[in-house]
Protein backbone atom coordinates (compact mmCIF):
# COMPACT_ATOMS: atom_id res chain seq x y z
CA UNK A 1 110.94 25.51 -20.29
CA UNK A 2 110.96 25.13 -24.20
CA UNK A 3 110.20 21.27 -25.34
CA UNK A 4 113.32 20.70 -26.04
CA UNK A 5 115.61 20.19 -22.97
CA UNK A 6 118.54 17.49 -21.59
CA UNK A 7 116.20 13.98 -21.45
CA UNK A 8 117.70 11.78 -18.54
CA UNK A 9 118.25 8.24 -19.38
CA UNK A 10 119.47 5.04 -17.95
CA UNK A 11 121.60 2.09 -19.34
CA UNK A 12 119.24 -0.81 -20.25
CA UNK A 13 120.69 -3.92 -22.17
CA UNK A 14 118.33 -6.15 -24.21
CA UNK A 15 116.48 -3.37 -25.73
CA UNK A 16 115.68 -4.23 -29.47
CA UNK A 17 118.75 -4.70 -31.50
CA UNK A 18 119.13 -1.55 -34.65
CA UNK A 19 119.91 -4.07 -37.24
CA UNK A 20 116.74 -5.73 -36.71
CA UNK A 21 114.61 -1.64 -35.98
CA UNK A 22 116.77 -0.59 -39.59
CA UNK A 23 118.36 -3.61 -41.75
CA UNK A 24 119.41 -0.95 -43.94
CA UNK A 25 121.91 -0.40 -40.43
CA UNK A 26 123.75 -3.94 -39.96
CA UNK A 27 127.13 -4.12 -40.18
CA UNK A 28 127.53 -0.04 -39.99
CA UNK A 29 128.19 0.34 -35.65
CA UNK A 30 128.11 -1.99 -33.38
CA UNK A 31 125.19 -3.01 -31.20
CA UNK A 32 124.06 -1.28 -27.61
CA UNK A 33 125.01 -4.04 -25.85
CA UNK A 34 128.19 -5.03 -27.11
CA UNK A 35 128.97 -1.11 -26.99
CA UNK A 36 127.49 -1.85 -22.76
CA UNK A 37 130.26 -4.43 -22.62
CA UNK A 38 132.85 -2.64 -24.04
CA UNK A 39 132.83 -0.01 -22.37
CA UNK A 40 131.82 -1.84 -19.02
CA UNK A 41 129.50 0.27 -18.15
CA UNK A 42 126.27 -1.71 -16.14
CA UNK A 43 122.96 -1.57 -16.53
CA UNK A 44 121.17 1.38 -14.37
CA UNK A 45 123.22 3.96 -14.74
CA UNK A 46 122.00 7.40 -15.82
CA UNK A 47 123.49 9.49 -18.84
CA UNK A 48 122.44 12.46 -20.33
CA UNK A 49 121.03 13.43 -24.03
CA UNK A 50 121.43 17.36 -24.80
CA UNK A 51 118.74 18.87 -26.51
CA UNK A 52 120.44 18.05 -30.13
CA UNK A 53 120.31 14.94 -28.81
CA UNK A 54 124.11 13.98 -28.90
CA UNK A 55 125.59 12.22 -25.82
CA UNK A 56 128.42 14.11 -24.21
CA UNK A 57 131.04 11.64 -24.01
CA UNK A 58 132.87 13.45 -21.08
CA UNK A 59 129.67 14.99 -19.24
CA UNK A 60 128.60 11.43 -18.84
CA UNK A 61 132.04 9.83 -17.33
CA UNK A 62 130.82 11.50 -14.37
CA UNK A 63 128.05 9.15 -13.46
CA UNK A 64 130.49 6.44 -14.00
CA UNK A 65 133.22 7.42 -11.34
CA UNK A 66 133.08 4.79 -8.38
CA UNK A 67 131.96 6.77 -5.84
CA UNK A 68 128.69 7.78 -8.28
CA UNK A 69 128.65 4.32 -9.56
CA UNK A 70 128.51 2.65 -6.17
CA UNK A 71 126.46 4.43 -4.45
CA UNK A 72 122.39 3.78 -4.36
CA UNK A 73 120.47 4.54 -7.23
CA UNK A 74 118.57 6.68 -5.42
CA UNK A 75 121.65 9.39 -5.36
CA UNK A 76 122.69 8.15 -8.75
CA UNK A 77 119.65 9.65 -10.21
CA UNK A 78 119.47 12.43 -7.83
CA UNK A 79 123.25 13.61 -9.23
CA UNK A 80 121.80 13.09 -12.44
CA UNK A 81 118.28 15.19 -11.65
CA UNK A 82 120.75 18.54 -9.92
CA UNK A 83 123.55 18.79 -13.22
CA UNK A 84 120.64 17.71 -15.56
CA UNK A 85 118.20 21.25 -13.81
CA UNK A 86 121.10 23.49 -14.97
CA UNK A 87 121.95 22.75 -18.07
CA UNK A 88 118.52 22.97 -18.51
CA UNK A 89 118.59 26.44 -17.12
CA UNK A 90 121.86 27.10 -19.63
CA UNK A 91 120.30 26.49 -22.54
CA UNK A 92 116.54 28.15 -21.74
CA UNK A 93 117.09 30.95 -19.60
CA UNK A 94 121.11 31.99 -21.15
CA UNK A 95 120.75 31.53 -24.33
CA UNK A 96 121.58 27.80 -25.22
CA UNK A 97 124.64 27.87 -23.63
CA UNK A 98 126.96 24.93 -23.13
CA UNK A 99 128.21 23.88 -19.29
CA UNK A 100 131.88 24.36 -20.41
CA UNK A 101 131.27 27.86 -20.89
CA UNK A 102 129.40 28.01 -17.77
CA UNK A 103 130.67 31.25 -15.86
CA UNK A 104 129.83 32.50 -11.99
CA UNK A 105 127.58 34.99 -13.49
CA UNK A 106 125.62 31.95 -14.47
CA UNK A 107 125.39 30.02 -11.70
CA UNK A 108 124.23 33.35 -9.66
CA UNK A 109 121.22 33.54 -12.21
CA UNK A 110 120.50 30.17 -11.48
CA UNK A 111 120.84 30.48 -7.64
CA UNK A 112 118.72 34.09 -8.06
CA UNK A 113 115.86 31.86 -10.05
CA UNK A 114 115.61 28.63 -8.21
CA UNK A 115 116.04 30.94 -4.78
CA UNK A 116 114.28 34.30 -5.31
CA UNK A 117 112.35 34.98 -8.36
CA UNK A 118 108.23 35.48 -8.03
CA UNK A 119 107.76 33.13 -10.68
CA UNK A 120 110.87 30.55 -9.51
CA UNK A 121 110.26 27.48 -7.59
CA UNK A 122 111.45 29.44 -4.69
CA UNK A 123 113.00 26.06 -3.14
CA UNK A 124 113.86 25.02 0.32
CA UNK A 125 117.46 26.32 1.39
CA UNK A 126 117.44 22.52 2.87
CA UNK A 127 116.79 21.60 -1.07
CA UNK A 128 118.76 24.11 -2.77
CA UNK A 129 121.98 23.24 -0.73
CA UNK A 130 121.35 19.06 -1.69
CA UNK A 131 120.97 20.78 -5.51
CA UNK A 132 124.16 22.85 -5.24
CA UNK A 133 126.71 19.88 -3.25
CA UNK A 134 125.58 17.59 -6.75
CA UNK A 135 126.12 20.22 -9.10
CA UNK A 136 129.59 21.26 -6.85
CA UNK A 137 130.96 18.01 -7.13
CA UNK A 138 129.97 17.61 -11.18
CA UNK A 139 132.26 21.19 -11.66
CA UNK A 140 134.63 20.18 -9.14
CA UNK A 141 134.95 16.66 -10.71
CA UNK A 142 135.37 19.06 -14.38
CA UNK A 143 138.23 21.21 -13.01
CA UNK A 144 140.37 18.59 -11.82
CA UNK A 145 140.29 16.79 -15.29
CA UNK A 146 140.93 20.45 -17.29
CA UNK A 147 137.09 20.00 -19.21
CA UNK A 148 136.23 23.02 -18.22
CA UNK A 149 139.04 26.08 -17.02
CA UNK A 150 137.01 27.05 -13.48
CA UNK A 151 133.73 26.56 -11.60
CA UNK A 152 130.87 28.50 -12.74
CA UNK A 153 130.33 27.82 -9.01
CA UNK A 154 131.81 30.75 -6.49
CA UNK A 155 133.75 29.43 -3.44
CA UNK A 156 134.79 30.39 0.53
CA UNK A 157 137.31 28.79 2.88
CA UNK A 158 134.86 26.31 4.78
CA UNK A 159 134.32 27.75 8.07
CA UNK A 160 136.70 26.05 10.81
CA UNK A 161 135.09 23.23 12.95
CA UNK A 162 133.42 24.53 16.25
CA UNK A 163 135.29 22.13 18.41
CA UNK A 164 137.96 23.06 17.19
CA UNK A 165 140.95 24.10 19.06
CA UNK A 166 143.69 25.58 16.74
CA UNK A 167 143.94 26.63 13.65
CA UNK A 168 145.23 22.59 12.37
CA UNK A 169 142.00 21.05 12.25
CA UNK A 170 140.00 19.02 9.54
CA UNK A 171 138.85 21.78 7.63
CA UNK A 172 141.44 24.30 7.16
CA UNK A 173 142.22 25.30 3.74
CA UNK A 174 139.43 23.84 2.03
CA UNK A 175 137.40 25.41 0.02
CA UNK A 176 133.24 24.98 -0.15
CA UNK A 177 130.59 26.43 -2.27
CA UNK A 178 130.04 29.84 -1.39
CA UNK A 179 125.70 29.86 -2.56
CA UNK A 180 125.31 27.91 0.06
CA UNK A 181 121.96 28.87 2.03
CA UNK A 182 122.12 29.90 5.79
CA UNK A 183 117.93 29.86 6.66
CA UNK A 184 118.07 26.03 7.16
CA UNK A 185 115.00 24.95 9.88
CA UNK A 186 117.73 21.60 11.34
CA UNK A 187 115.17 21.84 14.57
CA UNK A 188 111.76 21.80 12.39
CA UNK A 189 110.74 18.73 12.94
CA UNK A 190 107.12 18.64 11.71
CA UNK A 191 104.86 15.32 12.74
CA UNK A 192 101.38 13.86 13.68
CA UNK A 193 100.30 13.28 16.95
CA UNK A 194 98.85 9.32 16.85
CA UNK A 195 95.11 11.36 16.27
CA UNK A 196 95.99 13.35 13.36
CA UNK A 197 97.62 10.43 12.00
CA UNK A 198 94.19 8.55 12.28
CA UNK A 199 92.30 11.52 11.34
CA UNK A 200 95.14 11.85 7.75
CA UNK A 201 94.26 8.25 7.38
CA UNK A 202 90.87 7.18 7.86
CA UNK A 203 89.27 10.58 5.63
CA UNK A 204 92.35 10.30 2.89
CA UNK A 205 92.62 6.40 2.86
CA UNK A 206 89.89 4.94 3.95
CA UNK A 207 87.32 7.17 2.44
CA UNK A 208 85.76 8.41 5.83
CA UNK A 209 84.10 11.58 6.69
CA UNK A 210 84.85 14.47 8.62
CA UNK A 211 82.54 12.64 11.19
CA UNK A 212 84.72 9.31 11.45
CA UNK A 213 81.37 7.63 9.08
CA UNK A 214 82.20 6.05 5.73
CA UNK A 215 82.21 8.00 2.67
CA UNK A 216 78.76 7.56 0.90
CA UNK A 217 80.84 8.03 -2.31
CA UNK A 218 84.35 6.59 -2.05
CA UNK A 219 84.85 4.09 -3.99
CA UNK A 220 88.35 2.83 -3.25
CA UNK A 221 89.05 -0.68 -3.60
CA UNK A 222 92.17 -0.19 -2.69
CA UNK A 223 91.53 1.43 0.80
CA UNK A 224 92.47 -1.43 3.39
CA UNK A 225 95.76 -1.85 1.57
CA UNK A 226 96.52 1.81 1.70
CA UNK A 227 95.97 2.22 5.23
CA UNK A 228 97.94 -1.22 5.78
CA UNK A 229 101.14 0.28 4.25
CA UNK A 230 100.98 3.59 6.08
CA UNK A 231 100.06 2.26 9.14
CA UNK A 232 103.08 -0.07 9.01
CA UNK A 233 104.96 2.89 8.13
CA UNK A 234 104.52 5.22 10.67
CA UNK A 235 104.78 1.52 13.54
CA UNK A 236 107.93 1.23 12.09
CA UNK A 237 109.85 4.38 11.00
CA UNK A 238 111.22 2.53 7.09
CA UNK A 239 111.56 5.06 4.00
CA UNK A 240 109.43 4.54 1.86
CA UNK A 241 111.99 2.95 -0.56
CA UNK A 242 112.48 0.34 2.24
CA UNK A 243 109.02 -0.52 2.72
CA UNK A 244 108.36 0.14 -1.14
CA UNK A 245 111.15 -2.61 -1.50
CA UNK A 246 110.25 -5.14 0.23
CA UNK A 247 109.30 -8.99 -0.83
CA UNK A 248 106.43 -11.13 0.68
CA UNK A 249 108.73 -13.47 1.65
CA UNK A 250 111.26 -11.03 4.04
CA UNK A 251 107.88 -9.26 6.08
CA UNK A 252 105.78 -11.50 9.36
CA UNK A 253 102.50 -12.25 7.34
CA UNK A 254 100.86 -13.62 10.87
CA UNK A 255 100.29 -12.64 14.46
CA UNK A 256 101.24 -14.87 17.10
CA UNK A 257 100.33 -13.91 20.40
CA UNK A 258 103.38 -11.57 21.43
CA UNK A 259 103.76 -7.64 20.63
CA UNK A 260 106.16 -7.47 18.31
CA UNK A 261 107.00 -9.26 15.57
CA UNK A 262 110.97 -8.50 13.77
CA UNK A 263 112.79 -8.73 10.60
CA UNK A 264 116.00 -8.29 9.00
CA UNK A 265 116.19 -4.77 6.31
CA UNK A 266 119.05 -6.15 4.46
CA UNK A 267 121.43 -3.05 3.89
CA UNK A 268 120.63 -3.59 -0.36
CA UNK A 269 117.17 -1.71 0.31
CA UNK A 270 118.71 0.26 3.23
CA UNK A 271 119.84 3.87 2.71
CA UNK A 272 123.63 4.51 3.30
CA UNK A 273 123.15 0.23 3.77
CA UNK A 274 121.92 1.06 7.12
CA UNK A 275 120.65 -2.79 7.39
CA UNK A 276 118.88 -3.07 10.94
CA UNK A 277 115.96 -4.87 12.99
CA UNK A 278 112.53 -3.85 11.99
CA UNK A 279 109.79 -4.20 15.11
CA UNK A 280 105.94 -4.86 13.71
CA UNK A 281 103.46 -4.91 16.00
CA UNK A 282 101.93 -8.22 16.51
CA UNK A 283 98.13 -6.66 14.71
CA UNK A 284 99.89 -5.29 11.81
CA UNK A 285 101.70 -8.67 11.23
CA UNK A 286 98.43 -9.88 10.52
CA UNK A 287 96.65 -7.91 8.59
CA UNK A 288 99.52 -8.04 6.21
CA UNK A 289 98.35 -11.59 6.15
CA UNK A 290 95.37 -11.47 5.33
CA UNK A 291 96.22 -8.92 2.62
CA UNK A 292 98.93 -11.68 1.76
CA UNK A 293 95.99 -14.44 0.96
CA UNK A 294 93.26 -11.64 -0.09
CA UNK A 295 93.83 -8.77 -2.07
CA UNK A 296 97.27 -9.46 -3.38
CA UNK A 297 96.23 -13.80 -4.05
CA UNK A 298 93.40 -12.04 -6.16
CA UNK A 299 95.12 -9.72 -8.76
CA UNK A 300 98.19 -12.12 -9.35
CA UNK A 301 95.29 -14.70 -10.08
CA UNK A 302 93.48 -12.74 -12.21
CA UNK A 303 97.55 -11.41 -13.52
CA UNK A 304 98.74 -14.86 -14.06
CA UNK A 305 95.15 -15.23 -16.65
CA UNK A 306 96.26 -12.46 -18.61
CA UNK A 307 99.85 -13.87 -18.83
CA UNK A 308 101.18 -11.03 -17.76
CA UNK A 309 104.23 -12.41 -15.79
CA UNK A 310 105.28 -14.30 -19.04
CA UNK A 311 106.00 -11.12 -20.94
CA UNK A 312 108.56 -9.71 -17.63
CA UNK A 313 112.21 -9.32 -20.49
CA UNK A 314 114.85 -10.89 -17.51
CA UNK A 315 113.07 -12.01 -15.03
CA UNK A 316 114.93 -12.93 -11.20
CA UNK A 317 113.07 -16.05 -10.78
CA UNK A 318 113.28 -17.86 -7.01
CA UNK A 319 113.42 -21.47 -7.61
CA UNK A 320 113.37 -22.05 -3.39
CA UNK A 321 111.45 -20.07 -2.12
CA UNK A 322 111.18 -21.85 1.25
CA UNK A 323 114.88 -21.50 0.81
CA UNK A 324 116.13 -19.68 4.56
CA UNK A 325 118.07 -17.42 1.47
CA UNK A 326 116.16 -17.89 -1.26
CA UNK A 327 118.63 -16.89 -4.28
CA UNK A 328 118.41 -15.87 -8.17
CA UNK A 329 120.26 -16.38 -11.19
CA UNK A 330 121.31 -13.32 -12.42
CA UNK A 331 122.87 -12.55 -15.95
CA UNK A 332 125.93 -10.36 -16.21
CA UNK A 333 127.99 -8.09 -18.75
CA UNK A 334 128.84 -11.04 -21.54
CA UNK A 335 126.81 -13.82 -20.89
CA UNK A 336 128.43 -14.49 -17.22
CA UNK A 337 126.37 -15.82 -14.48
CA UNK A 338 126.58 -15.77 -10.80
CA UNK A 339 123.71 -17.49 -8.41
CA UNK A 340 123.03 -13.88 -5.79
CA UNK A 341 121.23 -13.80 -2.45
CA UNK A 342 117.78 -11.95 -2.65
CA UNK A 343 118.61 -9.68 0.26
CA UNK A 344 122.17 -8.57 -1.99
CA UNK A 345 119.39 -7.08 -4.29
CA UNK A 346 118.78 -3.58 -5.03
CA UNK A 347 115.14 -2.13 -5.34
CA UNK A 348 115.56 -1.38 -8.81
CA UNK A 349 116.41 -5.62 -9.79
CA UNK A 350 113.56 -6.35 -6.81
CA UNK A 351 110.87 -4.86 -9.27
CA UNK A 352 111.70 -8.01 -11.81
CA UNK A 353 112.28 -10.40 -8.99
CA UNK A 354 109.67 -14.02 -9.24
CA UNK A 355 109.12 -16.63 -7.15
CA UNK A 356 107.98 -20.42 -9.39
CA UNK A 357 104.73 -20.94 -7.15
CA UNK A 358 102.23 -24.29 -7.93
CA UNK A 359 100.53 -22.02 -9.42
CA UNK A 360 102.75 -20.28 -11.94
CA UNK A 361 104.72 -17.77 -12.02
CA UNK A 362 103.92 -14.54 -9.04
CA UNK A 363 105.75 -11.78 -8.19
CA UNK A 364 107.59 -11.89 -5.15
CA UNK A 365 106.82 -7.86 -3.83
CA UNK A 366 104.81 -7.56 -1.13
CA UNK A 367 102.59 -4.56 -2.45
CA UNK A 368 101.01 -5.32 -5.76
CA UNK A 369 99.15 -2.63 -7.90
CA UNK A 370 95.07 -3.80 -9.28
CA UNK A 371 97.50 -5.06 -12.29
CA UNK A 372 99.09 -7.32 -10.88
CA UNK A 373 102.55 -5.71 -10.90
CA UNK A 374 104.90 -4.35 -7.80
CA UNK A 375 103.56 -0.56 -6.64
CA UNK A 376 106.41 1.58 -7.81
CA UNK A 377 107.94 4.65 -5.16
CA UNK A 378 105.84 7.59 -7.95
CA UNK A 379 102.89 5.79 -7.36
CA UNK A 380 102.99 5.49 -3.76
CA UNK A 381 103.42 9.24 -3.78
CA UNK A 382 100.37 9.68 -6.14
CA UNK A 383 98.93 7.40 -3.06
CA UNK A 384 99.59 9.86 -0.89
CA UNK A 385 98.18 13.06 -2.51
CA UNK A 386 94.86 12.05 -3.65
CA UNK A 387 94.71 11.17 0.29
CA UNK A 388 95.92 14.60 1.32
CA UNK A 389 93.38 16.05 -1.67
CA UNK A 390 90.86 13.90 0.04
CA UNK A 391 91.66 15.68 2.91
CA UNK A 392 90.94 18.56 1.67
CA UNK A 393 87.75 18.05 0.33
CA UNK A 394 86.51 16.57 3.44
CA UNK A 395 87.69 20.33 5.77
CA UNK A 396 90.51 18.01 7.71
CA UNK A 397 93.03 20.22 8.30
CA UNK A 398 95.50 17.17 7.83
CA UNK A 399 98.42 16.65 5.32
CA UNK A 400 101.22 14.00 5.19
CA UNK A 401 103.64 13.15 3.39
CA UNK A 402 105.57 9.13 3.36
CA UNK A 403 108.34 10.61 5.61
CA UNK A 404 106.16 12.96 8.14
CA UNK A 405 105.24 9.33 8.74
CA UNK A 406 108.23 7.95 10.01
CA UNK A 407 109.04 11.11 11.55
CA UNK A 408 105.51 10.83 13.65
CA UNK A 409 107.13 7.18 14.54
CA UNK A 410 110.74 8.60 15.85
CA UNK A 411 109.15 11.38 18.13
CA UNK A 412 106.09 8.65 19.71
CA UNK A 413 108.77 6.34 20.24
CA UNK A 414 111.61 8.47 21.70
CA UNK A 415 108.56 10.55 23.90
CA UNK A 416 107.23 6.58 25.01
CA UNK A 417 111.18 5.36 25.54
CA UNK A 418 111.77 8.77 27.19
CA UNK A 419 109.00 8.45 29.69
CA UNK A 420 108.91 4.86 30.70
CA UNK A 421 112.92 5.54 31.28
CA UNK A 422 112.76 8.54 33.30
CA UNK A 423 109.93 6.15 35.61
CA UNK A 424 112.40 3.44 36.12
CA UNK A 425 115.32 5.74 36.90
CA UNK A 426 113.18 7.15 39.32
CA UNK A 427 112.88 3.91 41.86
CA UNK A 428 116.23 2.82 41.43
CA UNK A 429 119.53 4.02 43.64
CA UNK A 430 122.71 5.29 41.49
CA UNK A 431 123.77 1.57 41.61
CA UNK A 432 121.26 0.49 39.68
CA UNK A 433 120.51 3.11 37.49
CA UNK A 434 124.43 2.04 36.48
CA UNK A 435 123.32 -1.43 35.31
CA UNK A 436 120.51 0.03 34.57
CA UNK A 437 122.08 1.96 31.63
CA UNK A 438 123.95 -0.34 30.76
CA UNK A 439 121.25 -3.02 29.60
CA UNK A 440 119.36 -0.85 28.37
CA UNK A 441 121.56 1.95 27.13
CA UNK A 442 119.89 5.44 25.82
CA UNK A 443 116.32 5.79 24.21
CA UNK A 444 117.54 8.22 21.64
CA UNK A 445 120.12 5.73 21.01
CA UNK A 446 117.46 3.05 20.70
CA UNK A 447 115.53 4.51 18.01
CA UNK A 448 118.32 5.95 16.06
CA UNK A 449 119.18 2.36 15.84
CA UNK A 450 115.61 1.97 14.27
CA UNK A 451 116.07 4.45 12.12
CA UNK A 452 119.12 3.45 10.29
CA UNK A 453 120.35 6.18 11.40
CA UNK A 454 124.38 5.95 11.55
CA UNK A 455 125.55 9.26 13.46
CA UNK A 456 123.28 10.27 16.61
CA UNK A 457 123.91 13.61 15.09
CA UNK A 458 121.16 13.03 12.81
CA UNK A 459 118.95 11.96 15.53
CA UNK A 460 118.86 14.67 18.33
CA UNK A 461 115.92 16.69 15.69
CA UNK A 462 113.89 14.65 17.02
CA UNK A 463 115.12 15.41 20.57
CA UNK A 464 114.55 18.75 19.66
CA UNK A 465 111.46 18.10 18.67
CA UNK A 466 110.27 17.05 22.29
CA UNK A 467 111.51 19.81 23.99
CA UNK A 468 109.74 21.58 21.74
CA UNK A 469 106.78 19.97 23.27
CA UNK A 470 107.38 20.25 25.92
CA UNK A 471 107.12 24.05 25.89
CA UNK A 472 104.30 24.63 24.98
CA UNK A 473 102.58 22.07 27.17
CA UNK A 474 104.41 24.57 29.95
CA UNK A 475 103.11 27.12 28.38
CA UNK A 476 99.35 26.33 28.23
CA UNK A 477 100.30 26.12 32.66
CA UNK A 478 100.85 30.11 32.27
CA UNK A 479 97.65 32.20 32.69
CA UNK A 480 96.55 34.63 30.39
CA UNK A 481 95.96 37.50 32.92
CA UNK A 482 99.28 36.18 34.75
CA UNK A 483 100.94 40.45 34.17
CA UNK A 484 97.97 41.85 36.22
CA UNK A 485 98.34 43.67 39.35
CA UNK A 486 96.87 41.80 42.58
CA UNK A 487 93.61 43.49 43.43
CA UNK A 488 94.07 46.70 45.55
CA UNK A 489 97.24 47.99 43.80
CA UNK A 490 96.38 50.55 41.57
CA UNK A 491 95.45 49.67 38.05
CA UNK A 492 92.60 47.13 39.60
CA UNK A 493 89.92 49.03 39.67
CA UNK A 494 89.26 49.19 42.64
CA UNK A 495 89.98 50.52 45.99
CA UNK A 496 92.59 49.85 48.10
């Protein structure tokens, strides 16, 4: 791609005013904050700037529609990136074509580049379908408002639902993007066994060699913190953004002799608003307390001495950290202010959370880097990437990404629950089994709740993984010579 391409930005108040940068421009135009207030645009909304450095009002209005503006920050940014990717293709590969002029042939060429071009990214089917859904939504919205005469994305009638018993059903007459990929592998779930996970963690995060011994050249100061982060993820099934957004006020930090400690994951940081109880093993809760009291406290003291926390723009200060529901004062548009519970703050807002402690201000975030500031999602991805590189160099054939730990939690937990569930049921009468099911429910539904899935259909993929595991186990019992004729029959080489 050339240097000139579409740029993705987010709205932000509190920047240096234009009049301070260019005194001669004072009074020529309103300042950014005033314009954002007048247009009723909240902070953090994505917008795109063309390669010609133009702000297209029609285009960026898409990101202000209620369905998208009310979505999570990750969803908003994903939609903006998917639209920008197609606009970049039009600009760089289709002769500087604008988004209004794109035709079906242009999208067909985009499909080829994304999916099949030997020199292209050749993205997976699931990735393509997600991008296609976002882009199709954008052009459908633009077509309804007359911004384009026709969408460049070819359409086809939506196929009837398999459960439909007649032509009268929910999908009748609806259209969907014709370029949807059908080679998605819905039943394929990658996951790690506990032994594989320990091998990856010890080599990649702790710097051990392939023999399980501490590496002589490893200088990872944050090995204990990184290993704790991974251990918490693989034992709870939290998503990366969910776990990375936790504050030190929300999570259990001390062991207490019981097997598990639970805490409430707020809807504001849970994907899809899936607030739920999260169960933390006692040993991990104890290690969290040790991390808070040592490594985390050290970087806070050093950052405080540098005055790092005094320079944070627009901090959200928790004055009552010991309260049952800590609150912060949030400044709104036009100078308004409101007291908001911390549990209602979204991930991007939590980066500005500060606690007024005895020694001064300190971040509320649980996971801090060596600079004393919260570690971003991209920062954690870099930690995993570096761990994978160490495993490759050490000859450990296990690679891992954050979501793989969530899959591993689901498969291993479901297998353990299924085993115990079946063992309990086998020793019961029919009546007892009925009472048991009413009280303890279904293991699959329990895992669904722990993962925050709204539908059991999303959790079924892990049941498929167990079925595949069971099949692989049974196949090992089949002898290699299963089709060899018995001794004494023709073909054995022995006399009859």
